[in-house]
Amino acid sequence: MQLSSQTTAISKSRLWAGRAISTILVLFLLFDAIAKLLSLAPVLQAFTQLGWSPGFAVPIGITLLTCTLIYAIPQTSPFGAILLTAYLGGAVATHLRAGQVFYFPILFGILLWVGLVLRNDRLRILLPLQD
């Protein structure tokens, strides 16, 4: 009996850690998407510095918003994680090409999957990680 209550406590803490990580990431990604949709001056300057036409800010913002919302819905979060991983891969390539710091999108991608795996038992079964 003590073992199952201990397992439940670990599962709840793992679930809440995953939710916390995912919530922080979703909030940041929503902020980023909205800034692109509003075509804020710093966003347009960053696009120009990265070699992108500022006219791409809104379509990229729509793409990021859509992928983030799909990730935020528990039933579709694995698909959202795949879409966001592709989006972040494009960000890494863009930053590498521009000679800028490129590890932030990689860190976000790792945290994206860590948050999802911590809150999704079915994904944890698929991964060869030990508890």
N, C-alpha and C. Protein backbone atom coordinates (compact mmCIF):
# COMPACT_ATOMS: atom_id res chain seq x y z
N MET A 1 0.82 -1.19 0.00
CA MET A 1 0.00 0.00 0.00
C MET A 1 0.87 1.26 0.00
N GLN A 2 1.96 1.23 0.72
CA GLN A 2 2.82 2.39 0.80
C GLN A 2 3.47 2.68 -0.56
N LEU A 3 3.80 1.63 -1.30
CA LEU A 3 4.43 1.79 -2.60
C LEU A 3 3.50 2.53 -3.58
N SER A 4 2.21 2.17 -3.60
CA SER A 4 1.30 2.82 -4.55
C SER A 4 1.08 4.29 -4.19
N SER A 5 1.01 4.63 -2.91
CA SER A 5 0.83 6.03 -2.54
C SER A 5 2.10 6.83 -2.87
N GLN A 6 3.26 6.21 -2.75
CA GLN A 6 4.51 6.87 -3.11
C GLN A 6 4.57 7.09 -4.62
N THR A 7 4.14 6.10 -5.39
CA THR A 7 4.11 6.22 -6.84
C THR A 7 3.15 7.31 -7.27
N THR A 8 1.99 7.41 -6.64
CA THR A 8 1.02 8.44 -6.96
C THR A 8 1.59 9.82 -6.69
N ALA A 9 2.30 9.98 -5.58
CA ALA A 9 2.89 11.28 -5.26
C ALA A 9 3.94 11.67 -6.30
N ILE A 10 4.74 10.70 -6.73
CA ILE A 10 5.74 10.98 -7.76
C ILE A 10 5.05 11.34 -9.07
N SER A 11 3.99 10.62 -9.41
CA SER A 11 3.27 10.91 -10.64
C SER A 11 2.65 12.30 -10.61
N LYS A 12 2.10 12.70 -9.47
CA LYS A 12 1.50 14.03 -9.37
C LYS A 12 2.56 15.11 -9.48
N SER A 13 3.69 14.92 -8.84
CA SER A 13 4.75 15.93 -8.93
C SER A 13 5.30 16.00 -10.35
N ARG A 14 5.43 14.86 -11.01
CA ARG A 14 5.89 14.84 -12.39
C ARG A 14 4.89 15.56 -13.30
N LEU A 15 3.60 15.29 -13.07
CA LEU A 15 2.55 15.93 -13.86
C LEU A 15 2.59 17.44 -13.70
N TRP A 16 2.71 17.91 -12.47
CA TRP A 16 2.72 19.36 -12.23
C TRP A 16 4.00 20.01 -12.74
N ALA A 17 5.11 19.31 -12.67
CA ALA A 17 6.35 19.86 -13.25
C ALA A 17 6.20 20.00 -14.76
N GLY A 18 5.63 18.99 -15.39
CA GLY A 18 5.38 19.05 -16.83
C GLY A 18 4.43 20.17 -17.21
N ARG A 19 3.38 20.33 -16.42
CA ARG A 19 2.42 21.41 -16.67
C ARG A 19 3.08 22.78 -16.52
N ALA A 20 3.92 22.92 -15.50
CA ALA A 20 4.60 24.21 -15.27
C ALA A 20 5.53 24.54 -16.43
N ILE A 21 6.34 23.59 -16.84
CA ILE A 21 7.27 23.81 -17.96
C ILE A 21 6.49 24.15 -19.23
N SER A 22 5.44 23.37 -19.51
CA SER A 22 4.65 23.60 -20.72
C SER A 22 3.94 24.94 -20.69
N THR A 23 3.41 25.33 -19.54
CA THR A 23 2.70 26.60 -19.42
C THR A 23 3.64 27.78 -19.68
N ILE A 24 4.83 27.74 -19.09
CA ILE A 24 5.80 28.81 -19.30
C ILE A 24 6.16 28.92 -20.79
N LEU A 25 6.39 27.78 -21.43
CA LEU A 25 6.72 27.79 -22.85
C LEU A 25 5.57 28.31 -23.70
N VAL A 26 4.35 27.86 -23.40
CA VAL A 26 3.19 28.30 -24.17
C VAL A 26 3.01 29.81 -24.02
N LEU A 27 3.16 30.33 -22.81
CA LEU A 27 3.01 31.77 -22.62
C LEU A 27 4.06 32.55 -23.42
N PHE A 28 5.30 32.08 -23.40
CA PHE A 28 6.34 32.76 -24.16
C PHE A 28 6.05 32.69 -25.66
N LEU A 29 5.67 31.52 -26.15
CA LEU A 29 5.39 31.36 -27.58
C LEU A 29 4.18 32.18 -28.02
N LEU A 30 3.16 32.27 -27.15
CA LEU A 30 2.01 33.12 -27.46
C LEU A 30 2.42 34.59 -27.54
N PHE A 31 3.25 35.02 -26.60
CA PHE A 31 3.76 36.39 -26.62
C PHE A 31 4.52 36.66 -27.92
N ASP A 32 5.36 35.72 -28.32
CA ASP A 32 6.15 35.86 -29.54
C ASP A 32 5.23 35.91 -30.77
N ALA A 33 4.23 35.02 -30.81
CA ALA A 33 3.30 34.99 -31.95
C ALA A 33 2.51 36.30 -32.04
N ILE A 34 2.03 36.80 -30.91
CA ILE A 34 1.24 38.04 -30.92
C ILE A 34 2.10 39.22 -31.34
N ALA A 35 3.35 39.25 -30.89
CA ALA A 35 4.26 40.33 -31.30
C ALA A 35 4.45 40.31 -32.82
N LYS A 36 4.53 39.12 -33.39
CA LYS A 36 4.67 39.01 -34.85
C LYS A 36 3.37 39.44 -35.54
N LEU A 37 2.23 39.03 -35.00
CA LEU A 37 0.94 39.39 -35.60
C LEU A 37 0.70 40.90 -35.57
N LEU A 38 1.17 41.54 -34.51
CA LEU A 38 1.01 42.99 -34.39
C LEU A 38 2.08 43.76 -35.17
N SER A 39 3.03 43.04 -35.74
CA SER A 39 4.14 43.64 -36.50
C SER A 39 4.80 44.77 -35.72
N LEU A 40 5.17 44.48 -34.49
CA LEU A 40 5.83 45.46 -33.64
C LEU A 40 7.19 45.83 -34.24
N ALA A 41 7.61 47.06 -34.00
CA ALA A 41 8.87 47.56 -34.58
C ALA A 41 10.07 46.67 -34.26
N PRO A 42 10.26 46.21 -32.99
CA PRO A 42 11.41 45.34 -32.73
C PRO A 42 11.37 44.03 -33.52
N VAL A 43 10.17 43.52 -33.75
CA VAL A 43 10.03 42.29 -34.53
C VAL A 43 10.44 42.54 -35.97
N LEU A 44 9.98 43.63 -36.54
CA LEU A 44 10.32 43.96 -37.93
C LEU A 44 11.81 44.22 -38.09
N GLN A 45 12.43 44.86 -37.09
CA GLN A 45 13.88 45.07 -37.12
C GLN A 45 14.62 43.74 -37.06
N ALA A 46 14.15 42.83 -36.19
CA ALA A 46 14.79 41.52 -36.08
C ALA A 46 14.66 40.74 -37.39
N PHE A 47 13.50 40.82 -38.03
CA PHE A 47 13.32 40.15 -39.31
C PHE A 47 14.33 40.67 -40.33
N THR A 48 14.51 41.98 -40.38
CA THR A 48 15.46 42.58 -41.32
C THR A 48 16.88 42.13 -41.01
N GLN A 49 17.25 42.12 -39.73
CA GLN A 49 18.60 41.68 -39.34
C GLN A 49 18.85 40.22 -39.68
N LEU A 50 17.80 39.41 -39.63
CA LEU A 50 17.93 37.98 -39.92
C LEU A 50 17.84 37.67 -41.41
N GLY A 51 17.60 38.71 -42.22
CA GLY A 51 17.55 38.50 -43.66
C GLY A 51 16.17 38.13 -44.18
N TRP A 52 15.16 38.32 -43.37
CA TRP A 52 13.78 38.03 -43.78
C TRP A 52 13.07 39.33 -44.11
N SER A 53 12.17 39.28 -45.06
CA SER A 53 11.33 40.43 -45.37
C SER A 53 10.37 40.65 -44.20
N PRO A 54 10.21 41.88 -43.73
CA PRO A 54 9.26 42.15 -42.65
C PRO A 54 7.83 41.72 -42.98
N GLY A 55 7.53 41.58 -44.25
CA GLY A 55 6.20 41.12 -44.66
C GLY A 55 5.89 39.69 -44.24
N PHE A 56 6.91 38.94 -43.86
CA PHE A 56 6.70 37.56 -43.40
C PHE A 56 6.31 37.47 -41.92
N ALA A 57 6.33 38.59 -41.21
CA ALA A 57 6.06 38.56 -39.76
C ALA A 57 4.67 38.00 -39.46
N VAL A 58 3.67 38.47 -40.16
CA VAL A 58 2.30 38.02 -39.87
C VAL A 58 2.10 36.54 -40.24
N PRO A 59 2.50 36.08 -41.43
CA PRO A 59 2.33 34.65 -41.72
C PRO A 59 3.09 33.74 -40.75
N ILE A 60 4.29 34.16 -40.36
CA ILE A 60 5.05 33.36 -39.40
C ILE A 60 4.37 33.41 -38.03
N GLY A 61 3.83 34.56 -37.66
CA GLY A 61 3.09 34.68 -36.41
C GLY A 61 1.87 33.79 -36.40
N ILE A 62 1.15 33.72 -37.52
CA ILE A 62 -0.03 32.83 -37.61
C ILE A 62 0.40 31.37 -37.47
N THR A 63 1.50 31.03 -38.12
CA THR A 63 2.01 29.66 -38.03
C THR A 63 2.38 29.32 -36.59
N LEU A 64 3.10 30.21 -35.93
CA LEU A 64 3.50 29.96 -34.53
C LEU A 64 2.29 29.90 -33.62
N LEU A 65 1.34 30.79 -33.80
CA LEU A 65 0.13 30.77 -32.97
C LEU A 65 -0.64 29.47 -33.15
N THR A 66 -0.79 29.02 -34.38
CA THR A 66 -1.51 27.77 -34.65
C THR A 66 -0.80 26.58 -34.02
N CYS A 67 0.50 26.47 -34.20
CA CYS A 67 1.26 25.35 -33.64
C CYS A 67 1.21 25.37 -32.11
N THR A 68 1.30 26.56 -31.53
CA THR A 68 1.27 26.69 -30.07
C THR A 68 -0.09 26.30 -29.51
N LEU A 69 -1.17 26.71 -30.16
CA LEU A 69 -2.50 26.34 -29.69
C LEU A 69 -2.73 24.83 -29.80
N ILE A 70 -2.22 24.23 -30.86
CA ILE A 70 -2.33 22.77 -30.99
C ILE A 70 -1.55 22.08 -29.87
N TYR A 71 -0.39 22.62 -29.52
CA TYR A 71 0.40 22.06 -28.40
C TYR A 71 -0.31 22.26 -27.07
N ALA A 72 -1.00 23.39 -26.89
CA ALA A 72 -1.63 23.71 -25.61
C ALA A 72 -2.85 22.84 -25.31
N ILE A 73 -3.46 22.25 -26.33
CA ILE A 73 -4.63 21.39 -26.13
C ILE A 73 -4.11 19.99 -25.79
N PRO A 74 -4.47 19.46 -24.60
CA PRO A 74 -3.90 18.17 -24.18
C PRO A 74 -4.09 17.03 -25.19
N GLN A 75 -5.23 16.95 -25.85
CA GLN A 75 -5.48 15.85 -26.79
C GLN A 75 -4.61 15.94 -28.04
N THR A 76 -4.17 17.13 -28.40
CA THR A 76 -3.38 17.31 -29.62
C THR A 76 -1.94 17.73 -29.34
N SER A 77 -1.54 17.73 -28.08
CA SER A 77 -0.22 18.24 -27.73
C SER A 77 0.95 17.48 -28.38
N PRO A 78 0.88 16.15 -28.56
CA PRO A 78 2.02 15.51 -29.26
C PRO A 78 2.19 16.02 -30.69
N PHE A 79 1.08 16.20 -31.40
CA PHE A 79 1.15 16.74 -32.76
C PHE A 79 1.67 18.17 -32.73
N GLY A 80 1.21 18.96 -31.77
CA GLY A 80 1.70 20.32 -31.61
C GLY A 80 3.20 20.36 -31.34
N ALA A 81 3.68 19.40 -30.54
CA ALA A 81 5.11 19.34 -30.24
C ALA A 81 5.92 19.05 -31.50
N ILE A 82 5.39 18.19 -32.35
CA ILE A 82 6.08 17.89 -33.62
C ILE A 82 6.12 19.14 -34.49
N LEU A 83 4.99 19.84 -34.59
CA LEU A 83 4.93 21.06 -35.40
C LEU A 83 5.86 22.14 -34.85
N LEU A 84 5.87 22.32 -33.54
CA LEU A 84 6.74 23.33 -32.93
C LEU A 84 8.21 22.95 -33.07
N THR A 85 8.52 21.67 -33.05
CA THR A 85 9.90 21.23 -33.27
C THR A 85 10.36 21.63 -34.67
N ALA A 86 9.49 21.47 -35.66
CA ALA A 86 9.82 21.88 -37.03
C ALA A 86 9.99 23.40 -37.09
N TYR A 87 9.09 24.13 -36.46
CA TYR A 87 9.18 25.59 -36.44
C TYR A 87 10.51 26.03 -35.80
N LEU A 88 10.85 25.43 -34.68
CA LEU A 88 12.09 25.80 -33.98
C LEU A 88 13.33 25.39 -34.79
N GLY A 89 13.22 24.32 -35.55
CA GLY A 89 14.32 23.95 -36.44
C GLY A 89 14.59 25.03 -37.48
N GLY A 90 13.52 25.63 -38.00
CA GLY A 90 13.67 26.75 -38.92
C GLY A 90 14.32 27.94 -38.24
N ALA A 91 13.97 28.16 -36.97
CA ALA A 91 14.58 29.27 -36.22
C ALA A 91 16.07 29.03 -36.02
N VAL A 92 16.45 27.79 -35.74
CA VAL A 92 17.88 27.46 -35.59
C VAL A 92 18.62 27.74 -36.90
N ALA A 93 18.05 27.27 -38.00
CA ALA A 93 18.69 27.48 -39.30
C ALA A 93 18.82 28.97 -39.62
N THR A 94 17.79 29.73 -39.33
CA THR A 94 17.82 31.17 -39.60
C THR A 94 18.90 31.86 -38.79
N HIS A 95 18.99 31.53 -37.51
CA HIS A 95 20.00 32.16 -36.65
C HIS A 95 21.42 31.73 -37.03
N LEU A 96 21.58 30.48 -37.41
CA LEU A 96 22.91 30.04 -37.86
C LEU A 96 23.34 30.78 -39.12
N ARG A 97 22.42 30.91 -40.06
CA ARG A 97 22.72 31.60 -41.32
C ARG A 97 23.08 33.05 -41.08
N ALA A 98 22.43 33.68 -40.08
CA ALA A 98 22.69 35.09 -39.78
C ALA A 98 23.89 35.28 -38.85
N GLY A 99 24.49 34.17 -38.39
CA GLY A 99 25.65 34.27 -37.51
C GLY A 99 25.29 34.72 -36.10
N GLN A 100 24.07 34.44 -35.68
CA GLN A 100 23.61 34.84 -34.35
C GLN A 100 23.53 33.62 -33.43
N VAL A 101 23.27 33.91 -32.16
CA VAL A 101 23.12 32.85 -31.16
C VAL A 101 21.97 31.93 -31.59
N PHE A 102 22.24 30.64 -31.65
CA PHE A 102 21.26 29.70 -32.19
C PHE A 102 20.74 28.69 -31.17
N TYR A 103 21.25 28.70 -29.94
CA TYR A 103 20.89 27.63 -29.02
C TYR A 103 19.57 27.86 -28.28
N PHE A 104 19.02 29.07 -28.32
CA PHE A 104 17.74 29.28 -27.64
C PHE A 104 16.61 28.43 -28.23
N PRO A 105 16.46 28.37 -29.57
CA PRO A 105 15.41 27.50 -30.11
C PRO A 105 15.64 26.03 -29.76
N ILE A 106 16.90 25.62 -29.68
CA ILE A 106 17.19 24.23 -29.30
C ILE A 106 16.76 23.99 -27.86
N LEU A 107 17.09 24.91 -26.97
CA LEU A 107 16.68 24.81 -25.57
C LEU A 107 15.15 24.78 -25.45
N PHE A 108 14.47 25.62 -26.21
CA PHE A 108 13.00 25.62 -26.18
C PHE A 108 12.45 24.28 -26.67
N GLY A 109 13.05 23.73 -27.71
CA GLY A 109 12.60 22.43 -28.21
C GLY A 109 12.78 21.33 -27.17
N ILE A 110 13.89 21.35 -26.47
CA ILE A 110 14.12 20.34 -25.42
C ILE A 110 13.10 20.50 -24.31
N LEU A 111 12.91 21.74 -23.85
CA LEU A 111 11.94 21.98 -22.78
C LEU A 111 10.51 21.64 -23.22
N LEU A 112 10.20 21.88 -24.48
CA LEU A 112 8.90 21.55 -25.03
C LEU A 112 8.60 20.06 -24.86
N TRP A 113 9.58 19.23 -25.22
CA TRP A 113 9.39 17.79 -25.13
C TRP A 113 9.48 17.29 -23.68
N VAL A 114 10.35 17.90 -22.87
CA VAL A 114 10.43 17.50 -21.46
C VAL A 114 9.10 17.75 -20.78
N GLY A 115 8.52 18.93 -21.00
CA GLY A 115 7.22 19.24 -20.41
C GLY A 115 6.15 18.28 -20.86
N LEU A 116 6.16 17.93 -22.14
CA LEU A 116 5.15 17.00 -22.66
C LEU A 116 5.34 15.59 -22.11
N VAL A 117 6.56 15.11 -22.08
CA VAL A 117 6.83 13.75 -21.58
C VAL A 117 6.49 13.64 -20.09
N LEU A 118 6.77 14.68 -19.33
CA LEU A 118 6.47 14.64 -17.90
C LEU A 118 4.97 14.59 -17.63
N ARG A 119 4.18 15.16 -18.51
CA ARG A 119 2.73 15.18 -18.26
C ARG A 119 1.96 14.16 -19.08
N ASN A 120 2.64 13.32 -19.86
CA ASN A 120 1.95 12.36 -20.71
C ASN A 120 2.54 10.96 -20.49
N ASP A 121 1.79 10.11 -19.79
CA ASP A 121 2.26 8.75 -19.48
C ASP A 121 2.51 7.92 -20.74
N ARG A 122 1.67 8.08 -21.75
CA ARG A 122 1.83 7.27 -22.97
C ARG A 122 3.14 7.58 -23.70
N LEU A 123 3.56 8.83 -23.68
CA LEU A 123 4.84 9.17 -24.31
C LEU A 123 6.01 8.65 -23.51
N ARG A 124 5.87 8.66 -22.18
CA ARG A 124 6.94 8.17 -21.33
C ARG A 124 7.21 6.67 -21.58
N ILE A 125 6.17 5.95 -21.91
CA ILE A 125 6.32 4.52 -22.21
C ILE A 125 7.12 4.32 -23.50
N LEU A 126 6.93 5.21 -24.47
CA LEU A 126 7.62 5.08 -25.76
C LEU A 126 9.10 5.39 -25.70
N LEU A 127 9.49 6.22 -24.76
CA LEU A 127 10.88 6.63 -24.68
C LEU A 127 11.70 5.69 -23.79
N PRO A 128 12.90 5.37 -24.20
CA PRO A 128 13.71 4.42 -23.44
C PRO A 128 14.44 5.07 -22.26
N LEU A 129 13.71 5.81 -21.44
CA LEU A 129 14.29 6.46 -20.28
C LEU A 129 13.91 5.69 -19.03
N GLN A 130 14.79 5.69 -18.06
CA GLN A 130 14.49 5.00 -16.82
C GLN A 130 14.05 6.00 -15.77
N ASP A 131 13.14 5.58 -14.90
CA ASP A 131 12.67 6.46 -13.82
C ASP A 131 13.70 6.61 -12.73
